[in-house]
Amino acid sequence: MYIAALLARTEDGWQASDTELDDVETLSDLVELAREGSVDDDTVIVYIEQEDAWFGVVRTDDLEDPRIYVSDAAAAARSSYGEILTDELLGGNGDDAAADLDALDLDGTEDGETPERTGEESAGEPSGEAAEGLAHDSGPAVPVTAGPVGDRQILADLGLGEKQLLGLDSEALSEITDALGAAEILEAVR
């Protein structure tokens, strides 16, 4: 199950609404949805969450390129809406990026632990973080991560800094709307 919300900044504060993602198939569709919710081409935040597994934030300001943050790229890439975001961030191309993530052998060293090295690994093959950081296929190497990716400063100027963003978990939407001063407004439309 997905939760999606759209927050549009206005002269009088924030407008909030639940949003339907049924017609969203690409990042362009998502950005168009955000811009349709914009008042006077001001800031719009689109929040997407999948059952506490991951959340993503897409921010549009005027006609600038969208800014994107995803809390867990590996989890998001395995879902339809998350794949839209991670493809953009990881430079993937649809199903290939998801397949690359599925092919990873995540062995518990994703958080910086050093794996035990064998003689075979030291013979020129990447190991540990170097091997995990690249998905091998016939094309160019694609960076892959099992953690947050994207613009960690996406909400910093709105009251939610990098440290707070990285610390968000299952209550991310309420904490984001609290920081923006839009919690009551979102709750009223839900």
Protein backbone atom coordinates (compact mmCIF):
# COMPACT_ATOMS: atom_id res chain seq x y z
CA MET A 1 0.00 0.00 0.00
CA TYR A 2 1.21 3.47 -0.87
CA ILE A 3 0.66 6.76 0.91
CA ALA A 4 0.98 9.84 -1.25
CA ALA A 5 0.58 13.48 -0.29
CA LEU A 6 1.09 16.74 -2.10
CA LEU A 7 2.11 19.89 -0.22
CA ALA A 8 2.02 23.19 -2.11
CA ARG A 9 3.43 26.39 -0.61
CA THR A 10 1.33 29.53 -1.00
CA GLU A 11 1.54 33.09 0.27
CA ASP A 12 -0.68 32.04 3.18
CA GLY A 13 1.25 28.90 4.10
CA TRP A 14 0.88 25.35 2.84
CA GLN A 15 -1.98 23.63 1.05
CA ALA A 16 -2.08 19.89 1.47
CA SER A 17 -3.89 17.08 -0.25
CA ASP A 18 -3.82 13.34 -0.55
CA THR A 19 -2.94 12.52 -4.10
CA GLU A 20 -3.64 9.62 -6.41
CA LEU A 21 -0.75 8.07 -8.28
CA ASP A 22 -2.83 5.91 -10.62
CA ASP A 23 -1.80 7.85 -13.75
CA VAL A 24 1.86 8.22 -12.74
CA GLU A 25 4.14 6.02 -14.83
CA THR A 26 7.26 8.20 -15.17
CA LEU A 27 9.12 10.88 -13.29
CA SER A 28 7.75 13.39 -15.80
CA ASP A 29 4.20 12.34 -14.84
CA LEU A 30 5.03 12.85 -11.17
CA VAL A 31 6.59 16.27 -11.81
CA GLU A 32 3.58 17.28 -13.90
CA LEU A 33 1.28 16.22 -11.04
CA ALA A 34 3.35 18.37 -8.66
CA ARG A 35 3.33 21.38 -10.95
CA GLU A 36 -0.45 21.11 -11.41
CA GLY A 37 -0.73 21.45 -7.63
CA SER A 38 1.51 24.51 -7.57
CA VAL A 39 0.21 27.93 -6.70
CA ASP A 40 2.04 30.68 -8.61
CA ASP A 41 4.88 28.27 -9.51
CA ASP A 42 5.94 28.07 -5.86
CA THR A 43 7.41 25.05 -4.06
CA VAL A 44 5.56 21.75 -4.19
CA ILE A 45 6.54 18.66 -2.23
CA VAL A 46 5.28 15.23 -3.28
CA TYR A 47 5.66 12.58 -0.60
CA ILE A 48 5.38 8.87 -1.44
CA GLU A 49 5.68 6.03 1.06
CA GLN A 50 5.30 2.29 0.73
CA GLU A 51 4.23 0.47 3.88
CA ASP A 52 7.05 1.84 6.03
CA ALA A 53 9.63 0.15 3.74
CA TRP A 54 10.79 3.41 2.11
CA PHE A 55 9.69 6.95 1.43
CA GLY A 56 10.54 9.42 -1.24
CA VAL A 57 10.30 13.18 -1.55
CA VAL A 58 10.14 15.02 -4.86
CA ARG A 59 10.42 18.80 -4.75
CA THR A 60 9.67 21.19 -7.57
CA ASP A 61 10.41 24.92 -7.43
CA ASP A 62 9.33 27.12 -10.33
CA LEU A 63 10.53 25.50 -13.54
CA GLU A 64 13.76 24.13 -12.06
CA ASP A 65 14.59 20.45 -12.36
CA PRO A 66 12.97 18.39 -9.61
CA ARG A 67 14.98 17.47 -6.54
CA ILE A 68 14.58 13.93 -5.24
CA TYR A 69 15.36 12.06 -2.04
CA VAL A 70 14.67 8.36 -1.35
CA SER A 71 15.14 6.86 2.12
CA ASP A 72 16.18 3.39 0.91
CA ALA A 73 17.10 2.94 -2.75
CA ALA A 74 17.21 -0.86 -2.70
CA ALA A 75 13.72 -1.16 -1.20
CA ALA A 76 12.29 1.58 -3.41
CA ALA A 77 13.71 0.14 -6.62
CA ARG A 78 11.67 -2.99 -6.02
CA SER A 79 8.37 -1.08 -6.14
CA SER A 80 6.72 0.56 -9.12
CA TYR A 81 6.70 4.16 -7.84
CA GLY A 82 10.04 3.83 -6.10
CA GLU A 83 11.59 2.56 -9.30
CA ILE A 84 10.58 5.82 -10.98
CA LEU A 85 12.61 7.76 -8.41
CA THR A 86 15.61 5.45 -8.14
CA ASP A 87 15.98 5.21 -11.92
CA GLU A 88 16.48 8.96 -12.01
CA LEU A 89 18.87 9.00 -9.06
CA LEU A 90 20.90 5.94 -10.00
CA GLY A 91 20.97 6.58 -13.72
CA GLY A 92 19.17 3.31 -14.41
CA ASN A 93 16.86 2.51 -17.24
CA GLY A 94 13.72 0.88 -15.96
CA ASP A 95 13.79 -2.86 -15.43
CA ASP A 96 17.58 -3.07 -15.77
CA ALA A 97 18.14 -1.01 -12.60
CA ALA A 98 15.70 -3.13 -10.61
CA ALA A 99 17.30 -6.31 -11.94
CA ASP A 100 20.72 -5.01 -10.95
CA LEU A 101 19.49 -4.38 -7.41
CA ASP A 102 17.86 -7.81 -7.24
CA ALA A 103 21.13 -9.41 -8.34
CA LEU A 104 23.07 -7.88 -5.45
CA ASP A 105 24.23 -10.26 -2.78
CA LEU A 106 23.56 -8.07 0.24
CA ASP A 107 25.55 -9.78 2.97
CA GLY A 108 25.15 -7.45 5.91
CA THR A 109 28.13 -5.28 5.04
CA GLU A 110 25.97 -2.53 3.52
CA ASP A 111 26.38 -0.37 6.59
CA GLY A 112 30.15 -0.13 6.34
CA GLU A 113 31.22 -3.39 7.98
CA THR A 114 34.35 -4.87 6.46
CA PRO A 115 33.83 -8.33 4.98
CA GLU A 116 36.37 -11.09 5.44
CA ARG A 117 38.67 -11.23 2.41
CA THR A 118 39.68 -14.42 0.66
CA GLY A 119 42.63 -15.01 -1.61
CA GLU A 120 40.32 -14.91 -4.66
CA GLU A 121 39.08 -11.42 -3.78
CA SER A 122 42.55 -10.01 -3.59
CA ALA A 123 43.31 -11.17 -7.16
CA GLY A 124 41.95 -8.01 -8.79
CA GLU A 125 38.24 -8.50 -8.17
CA PRO A 126 36.46 -5.73 -6.26
CA SER A 127 35.18 -6.76 -2.86
CA GLY A 128 33.19 -5.38 0.02
CA GLU A 129 31.87 -1.88 -0.57
CA ALA A 130 33.53 -1.60 -3.98
CA ALA A 131 31.70 -4.67 -5.26
CA GLU A 132 28.43 -3.60 -3.66
CA GLY A 133 28.71 -0.15 -5.15
CA LEU A 134 28.62 -1.42 -8.71
CA ALA A 135 26.04 -3.49 -10.55
CA HIS A 136 27.71 -5.52 -13.29
CA ASP A 137 26.05 -5.90 -16.68
CA SER A 138 26.96 -5.44 -20.29
CA GLY A 139 26.55 -1.66 -20.03
CA PRO A 140 28.28 0.89 -17.84
CA ALA A 141 28.47 0.32 -14.10
CA VAL A 142 25.49 1.69 -12.17
CA PRO A 143 26.00 2.84 -8.56
CA VAL A 144 23.73 0.96 -6.19
CA THR A 145 23.03 1.53 -2.52
CA ALA A 146 20.92 -0.04 0.18
CA GLY A 147 20.40 3.27 1.96
CA PRO A 148 19.36 6.83 1.31
CA VAL A 149 20.05 8.42 -2.06
CA GLY A 150 19.38 11.81 -3.54
CA ASP A 151 19.38 15.36 -2.27
CA ARG A 152 19.79 15.21 1.50
CA GLN A 153 19.31 18.98 1.71
CA ILE A 154 15.97 18.82 -0.11
CA LEU A 155 14.03 20.21 2.87
CA ALA A 156 16.82 22.03 4.75
CA ASP A 157 15.63 25.52 3.81
CA LEU A 158 12.11 24.55 4.91
CA GLY A 159 13.11 23.50 8.43
CA LEU A 160 14.16 19.85 8.10
CA GLY A 161 17.94 19.45 7.86
CA GLU A 162 19.96 16.52 6.59
CA LYS A 163 20.43 14.93 10.02
CA GLN A 164 16.70 14.99 10.75
CA LEU A 165 15.84 13.71 7.26
CA LEU A 166 18.24 10.78 7.58
CA GLY A 167 16.72 9.94 10.98
CA LEU A 168 13.14 9.64 9.72
CA ASP A 169 11.41 6.28 9.84
CA SER A 170 7.80 5.08 9.78
CA GLU A 171 6.47 8.47 10.92
CA ALA A 172 8.27 10.39 8.17
CA LEU A 173 5.21 12.12 6.71
CA SER A 174 4.05 13.50 10.05
CA GLU A 175 7.57 14.65 10.95
CA ILE A 176 8.02 16.34 7.58
CA THR A 177 4.67 18.12 7.79
CA ASP A 178 5.44 19.15 11.38
CA ALA A 179 8.74 20.70 10.25
CA LEU A 180 6.98 22.51 7.40
CA GLY A 181 4.16 23.70 9.64
CA ALA A 182 1.63 21.79 7.55
CA ALA A 183 0.64 18.92 9.85
CA GLU A 184 -2.80 20.26 10.74
CA ILE A 185 -3.53 21.15 7.14
CA LEU A 186 -2.67 17.65 5.87
CA GLU A 187 -4.62 16.02 8.69
CA ALA A 188 -7.70 18.09 7.76
CA VAL A 189 -7.75 16.73 4.20
CA ARG A 190 -7.08 13.09 5.11
